[in-house]
C-alpha atoms as a PDB file:
ATOM      1  CA  MET A   1      56.818  78.957 -31.082  1.00  0.00           C
ATOM      2  CA  PRO A   2      54.497  81.868 -30.207  1.00  0.00           C
ATOM      3  CA  GLY A   3      50.852  81.125 -31.164  1.00  0.00           C
ATOM      4  CA  GLN A   4      51.480  77.402 -31.408  1.00  0.00           C
ATOM      5  CA  LEU A   5      48.759  75.196 -29.860  1.00  0.00           C
ATOM      6  CA  THR A   6      50.585  73.520 -27.031  1.00  0.00           C
ATOM      7  CA  LEU A   7      49.437  70.574 -24.961  1.00  0.00           C
ATOM      8  CA  PRO A   8      48.837  72.732 -21.846  1.00  0.00           C
ATOM      9  CA  THR A   9      46.738  75.129 -23.950  1.00  0.00           C
ATOM     10  CA  LEU A  10      44.661  72.206 -25.228  1.00  0.00           C
ATOM     11  CA  TYR A  11      44.105  70.998 -21.672  1.00  0.00           C
ATOM     12  CA  VAL A  12      43.020  74.494 -20.599  1.00  0.00           C
ATOM     13  CA  ARG A  13      40.423  74.583 -23.336  1.00  0.00           C
ATOM     14  CA  ARG A  14      39.118  71.135 -22.456  1.00  0.00           C
ATOM     15  CA  ALA A  15      38.933  72.069 -18.784  1.00  0.00           C
ATOM     16  CA  GLN A  16      37.044  75.250 -19.649  1.00  0.00           C
ATOM     17  CA  THR A  17      34.560  73.259 -21.731  1.00  0.00           C
ATOM     18  CA  ASP A  18      34.033  70.772 -18.887  1.00  0.00           C
ATOM     19  CA  MET A  19      33.572  73.596 -16.385  1.00  0.00           C
ATOM     20  CA  GLN A  20      31.019  75.318 -18.602  1.00  0.00           C
ATOM     21  CA  ARG A  21      29.111  72.058 -19.048  1.00  0.00           C
ATOM     22  CA  SER A  22      29.047  71.373 -15.302  1.00  0.00           C
ATOM     23  CA  LEU A  23      28.070  74.960 -14.535  1.00  0.00           C
ATOM     24  CA  GLU A  24      25.208  74.770 -17.017  1.00  0.00           C
ATOM     25  CA  ARG A  25      23.949  71.538 -15.486  1.00  0.00           C
ATOM     26  CA  LEU A  26      24.209  72.946 -11.978  1.00  0.00           C
ATOM     27  CA  SER A  27      22.363  76.091 -13.063  1.00  0.00           C
ATOM     28  CA  THR A  28      19.496  74.293 -14.831  1.00  0.00           C
ATOM     29  CA  GLY A  29      19.423  71.133 -12.726  1.00  0.00           C
ATOM     30  CA  LEU A  30      19.354  69.114 -15.950  1.00  0.00           C
ATOM     31  CA  ARG A  31      21.911  66.686 -17.294  1.00  0.00           C
ATOM     32  CA  VAL A  32      20.367  66.922 -20.758  1.00  0.00           C
ATOM     33  CA  ASN A  33      19.764  70.531 -21.753  1.00  0.00           C
ATOM     34  CA  ARG A  34      19.606  69.887 -25.489  1.00  0.00           C
ATOM     35  CA  ALA A  35      19.223  66.880 -27.737  1.00  0.00           C
ATOM     36  CA  ALA A  36      22.971  66.876 -28.500  1.00  0.00           C
ATOM     37  CA  ASP A  37      23.781  66.190 -24.835  1.00  0.00           C
ATOM     38  CA  ASP A  38      22.260  62.681 -25.084  1.00  0.00           C
ATOM     39  CA  PRO A  39      20.333  62.075 -28.333  1.00  0.00           C
ATOM     40  CA  ALA A  40      18.935  58.656 -27.411  1.00  0.00           C
ATOM     41  CA  GLY A  41      18.200  59.579 -23.808  1.00  0.00           C
ATOM     42  CA  PHE A  42      16.578  62.849 -24.890  1.00  0.00           C
ATOM     43  CA  ALA A  43      14.156  61.017 -27.209  1.00  0.00           C
ATOM     44  CA  VAL A  44      13.215  58.469 -24.541  1.00  0.00           C
ATOM     45  CA  ALA A  45      12.735  61.165 -21.892  1.00  0.00           C
ATOM     46  CA  GLU A  46      10.553  63.266 -24.191  1.00  0.00           C
ATOM     47  CA  ASN A  47       8.293  60.275 -24.870  1.00  0.00           C
ATOM     48  CA  LEU A  48       8.058  59.538 -21.158  1.00  0.00           C
ATOM     49  CA  SER A  49       7.284  63.179 -20.410  1.00  0.00           C
ATOM     50  CA  ALA A  50       4.569  63.296 -23.069  1.00  0.00           C
ATOM     51  CA  ARG A  51       2.958  60.189 -21.626  1.00  0.00           C
ATOM     52  CA  ALA A  52       3.126  61.526 -18.069  1.00  0.00           C
ATOM     53  CA  ARG A  53       1.411  64.735 -19.161  1.00  0.00           C
ATOM     54  CA  SER A  54      -1.263  62.760 -21.016  1.00  0.00           C
ATOM     55  CA  VAL A  55      -1.945  60.661 -17.917  1.00  0.00           C
ATOM     56  CA  ALA A  56      -2.250  63.871 -15.891  1.00  0.00           C
ATOM     57  CA  VAL A  57      -4.973  65.050 -18.276  1.00  0.00           C
ATOM     58  CA  ALA A  58      -6.667  61.655 -17.992  1.00  0.00           C
ATOM     59  CA  ARG A  59      -6.711  62.141 -14.224  1.00  0.00           C
ATOM     60  CA  ARG A  60      -8.618  65.382 -14.743  1.00  0.00           C
ATOM     61  CA  ASN A  61     -11.048  63.503 -16.972  1.00  0.00           C
ATOM     62  CA  ILE A  62     -11.559  60.992 -14.189  1.00  0.00           C
ATOM     63  CA  GLY A  63     -12.252  63.807 -11.745  1.00  0.00           C
ATOM     64  CA  ASP A  64     -14.824  65.250 -14.161  1.00  0.00           C
ATOM     65  CA  GLY A  65     -16.427  61.827 -14.497  1.00  0.00           C
ATOM     66  CA  ARG A  66     -16.650  61.445 -10.730  1.00  0.00           C
ATOM     67  CA  SER A  67     -18.164  64.934 -10.420  1.00  0.00           C
ATOM     68  CA  LEU A  68     -20.786  63.973 -12.986  1.00  0.00           C
ATOM     69  CA  MET A  69     -21.664  60.761 -11.178  1.00  0.00           C
ATOM     70  CA  MET A  70     -21.940  62.601  -7.869  1.00  0.00           C
ATOM     71  CA  THR A  71     -24.165  65.249  -9.466  1.00  0.00           C
ATOM     72  CA  LEU A  72     -26.441  62.627 -10.981  1.00  0.00           C
ATOM     73  CA  ASP A  73     -26.582  60.637  -7.761  1.00  0.00           C
ATOM     74  CA  GLY A  74     -27.511  63.788  -5.827  1.00  0.00           C
ATOM     75  CA  SER A  75     -30.338  64.531  -8.239  1.00  0.00           C
ATOM     76  CA  ALA A  76     -31.465  60.895  -8.140  1.00  0.00           C
ATOM     77  CA  ASN A  77     -31.580  61.082  -4.365  1.00  0.00           C
ATOM     78  CA  GLU A  78     -33.976  64.035  -4.552  1.00  0.00           C
ATOM     79  CA  VAL A  79     -36.128  62.255  -7.126  1.00  0.00           C
ATOM     80  CA  GLY A  80     -36.175  59.219  -4.853  1.00  0.00           C
ATOM     81  CA  ASP A  81     -37.492  61.338  -1.971  1.00  0.00           C
ATOM     82  CA  LEU A  82     -40.234  62.655  -4.250  1.00  0.00           C
ATOM     83  CA  LEU A  83     -41.194  59.129  -5.256  1.00  0.00           C
ATOM     84  CA  LYS A  84     -41.356  58.102  -1.608  1.00  0.00           C
ATOM     85  CA  ARG A  85     -43.693  61.017  -0.923  1.00  0.00           C
ATOM     86  CA  LEU A  86     -45.798  59.986  -3.900  1.00  0.00           C
ATOM     87  CA  ARG A  87     -46.069  56.515  -2.430  1.00  0.00           C
ATOM     88  CA  GLU A  88     -47.215  57.952   0.889  1.00  0.00           C
ATOM     89  CA  LEU A  89     -49.920  59.869  -0.931  1.00  0.00           C
ATOM     90  CA  ALA A  90     -50.939  56.764  -2.882  1.00  0.00           C
ATOM     91  CA  VAL A  91     -51.267  54.740   0.312  1.00  0.00           C
ATOM     92  CA  GLN A  92     -53.319  57.514   1.860  1.00  0.00           C
ATOM     93  CA  GLY A  93     -55.469  57.852  -1.247  1.00  0.00           C
ATOM     94  CA  ALA A  94     -56.143  54.123  -1.498  1.00  0.00           C
ATOM     95  CA  SER A  95     -58.279  54.337   1.634  1.00  0.00           C
ATOM     96  CA  GLU A  96     -61.971  54.960   0.943  1.00  0.00           C
ATOM     97  CA  THR A  97     -62.246  56.929   4.188  1.00  0.00           C
ATOM     98  CA  LEU A  98     -61.092  60.103   2.400  1.00  0.00           C
ATOM     99  CA  GLY A  99     -63.607  62.650   1.263  1.00  0.00           C
ATOM    100  CA  ASP A 100     -63.570  64.306  -2.140  1.00  0.00           C
ATOM    101  CA  THR A 101     -61.997  67.487  -0.790  1.00  0.00           C
ATOM    102  CA  GLU A 102     -59.113  65.660   0.900  1.00  0.00           C
ATOM    103  CA  ARG A 103     -58.621  63.495  -2.175  1.00  0.00           C
ATOM    104  CA  GLY A 104     -58.366  66.652  -4.255  1.00  0.00           C
ATOM    105  CA  TYR A 105     -55.548  67.837  -2.018  1.00  0.00           C
ATOM    106  CA  LEU A 106     -53.711  64.563  -2.608  1.00  0.00           C
ATOM    107  CA  ASP A 107     -54.133  64.817  -6.346  1.00  0.00           C
ATOM    108  CA  THR A 108     -52.882  68.423  -6.396  1.00  0.00           C
ATOM    109  CA  GLU A 109     -49.756  67.557  -4.411  1.00  0.00           C
ATOM    110  CA  GLN A 110     -49.169  64.518  -6.593  1.00  0.00           C
ATOM    111  CA  GLN A 111     -49.171  66.686  -9.725  1.00  0.00           C
ATOM    112  CA  GLN A 112     -46.734  69.124  -8.156  1.00  0.00           C
ATOM    113  CA  LEU A 113     -44.407  66.297  -7.160  1.00  0.00           C
ATOM    114  CA  VAL A 114     -44.403  64.876 -10.697  1.00  0.00           C
ATOM    115  CA  GLU A 115     -43.671  68.319 -12.120  1.00  0.00           C
ATOM    116  CA  GLU A 116     -40.748  68.666  -9.703  1.00  0.00           C
ATOM    117  CA  ILE A 117     -39.383  65.312 -10.842  1.00  0.00           C
ATOM    118  CA  ASP A 118     -39.406  66.565 -14.431  1.00  0.00           C
ATOM    119  CA  ARG A 119     -37.868  69.879 -13.414  1.00  0.00           C
ATOM    120  CA  ILE A 120     -34.957  68.076 -11.738  1.00  0.00           C
ATOM    121  CA  ALA A 121     -34.488  65.804 -14.749  1.00  0.00           C
ATOM    122  CA  ASN A 122     -34.449  68.739 -17.150  1.00  0.00           C
ATOM    123  CA  THR A 123     -32.175  71.039 -15.132  1.00  0.00           C
ATOM    124  CA  THR A 124     -29.496  68.679 -13.795  1.00  0.00           C
ATOM    125  CA  ASP A 125     -26.581  70.194 -15.670  1.00  0.00           C
ATOM    126  CA  LEU A 126     -22.803  70.169 -15.520  1.00  0.00           C
ATOM    127  CA  PHE A 127     -20.119  71.318 -17.962  1.00  0.00           C
ATOM    128  CA  GLY A 128     -22.719  73.239 -19.953  1.00  0.00           C
ATOM    129  CA  ARG A 129     -25.196  70.448 -20.721  1.00  0.00           C
ATOM    130  CA  THR A 130     -28.028  68.507 -19.113  1.00  0.00           C
ATOM    131  CA  TRP A 131     -27.556  64.877 -18.154  1.00  0.00           C
ATOM    132  CA  ALA A 132     -30.645  63.438 -16.438  1.00  0.00           C
ATOM    133  CA  ASP A 133     -33.221  63.986 -19.184  1.00  0.00           C
ATOM    134  CA  GLY A 134     -32.212  60.984 -21.280  1.00  0.00           C
ATOM    135  CA  SER A 135     -30.369  63.089 -23.881  1.00  0.00           C
ATOM    136  CA  ALA A 136     -26.849  61.996 -22.866  1.00  0.00           C
ATOM    137  CA  GLY A 137     -27.339  58.232 -22.581  1.00  0.00           C
ATOM    138  CA  THR A 138     -24.115  56.289 -22.078  1.00  0.00           C
ATOM    139  CA  ILE A 139     -20.879  58.273 -22.360  1.00  0.00           C
ATOM    140  CA  SER A 140     -17.199  57.319 -22.349  1.00  0.00           C
ATOM    141  CA  VAL A 141     -14.695  58.823 -19.935  1.00  0.00           C
ATOM    142  CA  GLN A 142     -11.093  58.785 -21.192  1.00  0.00           C
ATOM    143  CA  VAL A 143      -9.165  57.456 -18.185  1.00  0.00           C
ATOM    144  CA  GLY A 144      -5.790  56.638 -19.749  1.00  0.00           C
ATOM    145  CA  ALA A 145      -3.205  57.904 -22.198  1.00  0.00           C
ATOM    146  CA  ASP A 146      -4.110  55.482 -25.002  1.00  0.00           C
ATOM    147  CA  ALA A 147      -7.000  55.405 -27.449  1.00  0.00           C
ATOM    148  CA  GLY A 148      -9.810  53.205 -26.194  1.00  0.00           C
ATOM    149  CA  ASP A 149      -8.690  53.400 -22.558  1.00  0.00           C
ATOM    150  CA  THR A 150     -12.143  54.491 -21.433  1.00  0.00           C
ATOM    151  CA  ILE A 151     -14.859  53.731 -18.904  1.00  0.00           C
ATOM    152  CA  ASP A 152     -18.466  53.867 -20.087  1.00  0.00           C
ATOM    153  CA  VAL A 153     -20.961  55.412 -17.682  1.00  0.00           C
ATOM    154  CA  ASP A 154     -24.751  55.538 -17.942  1.00  0.00           C
ATOM    155  CA  THR A 155     -26.162  58.981 -17.160  1.00  0.00           C
ATOM    156  CA  GLY A 156     -29.707  57.711 -16.615  1.00  0.00           C
ATOM    157  CA  ASP A 157     -33.086  59.305 -17.217  1.00  0.00           C
ATOM    158  CA  PHE A 158     -35.115  60.728 -14.331  1.00  0.00           C
ATOM    159  CA  ARG A 159     -38.127  62.018 -16.279  1.00  0.00           C
ATOM    160  CA  SER A 160     -41.530  61.028 -14.977  1.00  0.00           C
ATOM    161  CA  LEU A 161     -42.364  59.504 -18.371  1.00  0.00           C
ATOM    162  CA  THR A 162     -39.332  57.190 -18.178  1.00  0.00           C
ATOM    163  CA  LEU A 163     -40.030  56.345 -14.546  1.00  0.00           C
ATOM    164  CA  GLY A 164     -43.682  55.628 -15.371  1.00  0.00           C
ATOM    165  CA  VAL A 165     -45.227  58.082 -12.920  1.00  0.00           C
ATOM    166  CA  ASP A 166     -46.374  60.726 -15.383  1.00  0.00           C
ATOM    167  CA  THR A 167     -50.005  59.502 -15.460  1.00  0.00           C
ATOM    168  CA  LEU A 168     -50.677  58.734 -11.798  1.00  0.00           C
ATOM    169  CA  ASP A 169     -54.269  59.295 -10.721  1.00  0.00           C
ATOM    170  CA  LEU A 170     -54.984  59.697  -7.022  1.00  0.00           C
ATOM    171  CA  SER A 171     -58.467  61.116  -7.535  1.00  0.00           C
ATOM    172  CA  THR A 172     -60.016  57.748  -6.679  1.00  0.00           C
ATOM    173  CA  SER A 173     -59.141  55.008  -4.217  1.00  0.00           C
ATOM    174  CA  GLY A 174     -58.770  52.546  -7.107  1.00  0.00           C
ATOM    175  CA  GLY A 175     -56.448  54.865  -8.992  1.00  0.00           C
ATOM    176  CA  ALA A 176     -54.374  55.400  -5.862  1.00  0.00           C
ATOM    177  CA  GLY A 177     -54.105  51.640  -5.361  1.00  0.00           C
ATOM    178  CA  ASN A 178     -52.927  51.145  -8.937  1.00  0.00           C
ATOM    179  CA  ALA A 179     -50.411  53.963  -8.493  1.00  0.00           C
ATOM    180  CA  LEU A 180     -48.607  51.995  -5.788  1.00  0.00           C
ATOM    181  CA  ALA A 181     -47.332  49.439  -8.292  1.00  0.00           C
ATOM    182  CA  ASP A 182     -46.262  52.163 -10.714  1.00  0.00           C
ATOM    183  CA  ILE A 183     -44.377  54.029  -8.001  1.00  0.00           C
ATOM    184  CA  ASP A 184     -42.665  50.838  -6.808  1.00  0.00           C
ATOM    185  CA  SER A 185     -41.511  50.164 -10.368  1.00  0.00           C
ATOM    186  CA  ALA A 186     -40.218  53.741 -10.585  1.00  0.00           C
ATOM    187  CA  LEU A 187     -38.272  53.299  -7.346  1.00  0.00           C
ATOM    188  CA  ASP A 188     -36.772  50.051  -8.642  1.00  0.00           C
ATOM    189  CA  LEU A 189     -35.737  51.758 -11.885  1.00  0.00           C
ATOM    190  CA  LEU A 190     -34.262  54.761 -10.083  1.00  0.00           C
ATOM    191  CA  ASN A 191     -32.401  52.621  -7.549  1.00  0.00           C
ATOM    192  CA  GLY A 192     -30.958  50.582 -10.405  1.00  0.00           C
ATOM    193  CA  GLN A 193     -29.647  53.778 -11.966  1.00  0.00           C
ATOM    194  CA  ARG A 194     -28.155  54.907  -8.654  1.00  0.00           C
ATOM    195  CA  SER A 195     -26.481  51.516  -8.286  1.00  0.00           C
ATOM    196  CA  ARG A 196     -24.819  52.012 -11.662  1.00  0.00           C
ATOM    197  CA  PHE A 197     -23.675  55.483 -10.607  1.00  0.00           C
ATOM    198  CA  GLY A 198     -22.046  53.984  -7.523  1.00  0.00           C
ATOM    199  CA  ALA A 199     -20.361  51.225  -9.529  1.00  0.00           C
ATOM    200  CA  ALA A 200     -19.057  53.800 -12.018  1.00  0.00           C
ATOM    201  CA  MET A 201     -17.641  55.943  -9.197  1.00  0.00           C
ATOM    202  CA  ASN A 202     -15.838  52.906  -7.785  1.00  0.00           C
ATOM    203  CA  ARG A 203     -14.328  52.138 -11.198  1.00  0.00           C
ATOM    204  CA  LEU A 204     -13.253  55.756 -11.602  1.00  0.00           C
ATOM    205  CA  ASP A 205     -11.590  55.651  -8.172  1.00  0.00           C
ATOM    206  CA  VAL A 206      -9.580  52.598  -9.237  1.00  0.00           C
ATOM    207  CA  ALA A 207      -8.687  54.252 -12.552  1.00  0.00           C
ATOM    208  CA  GLU A 208      -7.507  57.386 -10.751  1.00  0.00           C
ATOM    209  CA  ARG A 209      -5.202  55.410  -8.447  1.00  0.00           C
ATOM    210  CA  LEU A 210      -3.736  53.640 -11.454  1.00  0.00           C
ATOM    211  CA  ALA A 211      -3.309  56.945 -13.320  1.00  0.00           C
ATOM    212  CA  GLN A 212      -1.549  58.474 -10.315  1.00  0.00           C
ATOM    213  CA  HIS A 213       0.871  55.549 -10.235  1.00  0.00           C
ATOM    214  CA  GLN A 214       1.497  55.714 -13.987  1.00  0.00           C
ATOM    215  CA  GLU A 215       2.107  59.470 -13.891  1.00  0.00           C
ATOM    216  CA  MET A 216       4.588  59.054 -11.046  1.00  0.00           C
ATOM    217  CA  VAL A 217       6.439  56.194 -12.766  1.00  0.00           C
ATOM    218  CA  HIS A 218       6.761  58.012 -16.100  1.00  0.00           C
ATOM    219  CA  THR A 219       7.795  61.269 -14.455  1.00  0.00           C
ATOM    220  CA  GLU A 220      10.448  59.539 -12.364  1.00  0.00           C
ATOM    221  CA  ALA A 221      11.765  57.638 -15.374  1.00  0.00           C
ATOM    222  CA  ALA A 222      12.089  60.845 -17.402  1.00  0.00           C
ATOM    223  CA  SER A 223      13.718  62.560 -14.422  1.00  0.00           C
ATOM    224  CA  ARG A 224      16.384  59.871 -14.117  1.00  0.00           C
ATOM    225  CA  ILE A 225      17.386  60.547 -17.714  1.00  0.00           C
ATOM    226  CA  MET A 226      17.119  64.331 -17.783  1.00  0.00           C
ATOM    227  CA  ASP A 227      18.043  65.504 -14.289  1.00  0.00           C
ATOM    228  CA  ALA A 228      21.605  66.226 -13.273  1.00  0.00           C
ATOM    229  CA  ASP A 229      23.360  64.443 -10.426  1.00  0.00           C
ATOM    230  CA  MET A 230      24.199  67.564  -8.457  1.00  0.00           C
ATOM    231  CA  ALA A 231      26.881  65.962  -6.296  1.00  0.00           C
ATOM    232  CA  MET A 232      28.599  64.455  -9.319  1.00  0.00           C
ATOM    233  CA  GLU A 233      28.460  67.742 -11.244  1.00  0.00           C
ATOM    234  CA  VAL A 234      29.997  69.638  -8.321  1.00  0.00           C
ATOM    235  CA  ALA A 235      32.795  67.068  -8.226  1.00  0.00           C
ATOM    236  CA  GLU A 236      33.268  67.263 -12.000  1.00  0.00           C
ATOM    237  CA  MET A 237      33.480  71.053 -11.882  1.00  0.00           C
ATOM    238  CA  ALA A 238      36.045  70.895  -9.090  1.00  0.00           C
ATOM    239  CA  LYS A 239      38.100  68.435 -11.143  1.00  0.00           C
ATOM    240  CA  ALA A 240      37.886  70.711 -14.167  1.00  0.00           C
ATOM    241  CA  GLN A 241      39.000  73.685 -12.084  1.00  0.00           C
ATOM    242  CA  ILE A 242      42.027  71.745 -10.794  1.00  0.00           C
ATOM    243  CA  ARG A 243      42.904  70.607 -14.320  1.00  0.00           C
ATOM    244  CA  MET A 244      42.614  74.137 -15.643  1.00  0.00           C
ATOM    245  CA  GLN A 245      44.768  75.552 -12.849  1.00  0.00           C
ATOM    246  CA  ALA A 246      47.379  72.882 -13.455  1.00  0.00           C
ATOM    247  CA  SER A 247      47.277  73.472 -17.207  1.00  0.00           C
ATOM    248  CA  VAL A 248      47.621  77.235 -16.770  1.00  0.00           C
ATOM    249  CA  ALA A 249      50.595  76.690 -14.479  1.00  0.00           C
ATOM    250  CA  ALA A 250      52.170  74.326 -17.018  1.00  0.00           C
ATOM    251  CA  GLN A 251      51.472  76.842 -19.751  1.00  0.00           C
ATOM    252  CA  MET A 252      53.272  79.555 -17.779  1.00  0.00           C
ATOM    253  CA  ILE A 253      56.245  77.277 -17.109  1.00  0.00           C
ATOM    254  CA  LEU A 254      56.442  76.431 -20.791  1.00  0.00           C
ATOM    255  CA  ARG A 255      56.232  80.103 -21.770  1.00  0.00           C
ATOM    256  CA  ASN A 256      58.994  81.012 -19.342  1.00  0.00           C
ATOM    257  CA  ALA A 257      61.108  78.167 -20.656  1.00  0.00           C
ATOM    258  CA  ASN A 258      60.577  79.355 -24.223  1.00  0.00           C
ATOM    259  CA  GLN A 259      61.511  82.887 -23.272  1.00  0.00           C
ATOM    260  CA  ALA A 260      64.698  81.669 -21.541  1.00  0.00           C
ATOM    261  CA  TYR A 261      65.536  79.598 -24.623  1.00  0.00           C
ATOM    262  CA  MET A 262      65.033  82.566 -26.952  1.00  0.00           C
ATOM    263  CA  SER A 263      67.146  84.781 -24.676  1.00  0.00           C
ATOM    264  CA  ALA A 264      69.933  82.191 -24.750  1.00  0.00           C
ATOM    265  CA  LEU A 265      69.839  82.072 -28.541  1.00  0.00           C
ATOM    266  CA  LEU A 266      70.045  85.859 -28.838  1.00  0.00           C
ATOM    267  CA  SER A 267      72.868  86.247 -26.349  1.00  0.00           C
END
């Protein structure tokens, strides 16, 4: 009867639906375009995607941590050069062959060097704050996607007071001799801090490689769930087209048959 839902008509509608689904997937490149396409898979993929994005942010944190360590190590290197120059002056001043005028020159340079050490300590800044003046202490760098997945790094303290060279006196040979021990202790303290910077950078390098691997794994896992198999979708669309063409042809044959039947009844 006219308007009746026939089997060929039903097949046409199903084929159209399949074609639209395949076309959508081919257009977006995604197998799952909405939660209804695969509720369980969608939830898993969203969790994987969220974790991958979190790990990507952690990688940026690691890069910031490495930049901080490199900045501190660069400043420490300059302070180390100043301490070495101070030691040269102390060795020179420990000799009683110097006159008062020459010793005054040594003492003046020594004061300038100590002031420069403090200037470096108080102006080594990054990300809007200073780090080498003892105010930061030990900080935590978030290197993973989970709470507590951190690496603690010591920012050090390069001030002359902390290094023990703030009260050096090169005005006498005895004072210069005593300064040698103080400067050696300062060098030991500074080198210990630089060693910790290097160890922290090595740990951050390892953490970054791990974060890169985790980001790749989570991204690939989410992609396997969400992304469309392009070859399969092309094949599915071709199948749907063939089914629709066959159903349309069957529908036309059925319509013609119905018309012939009605004509026979009326004749």
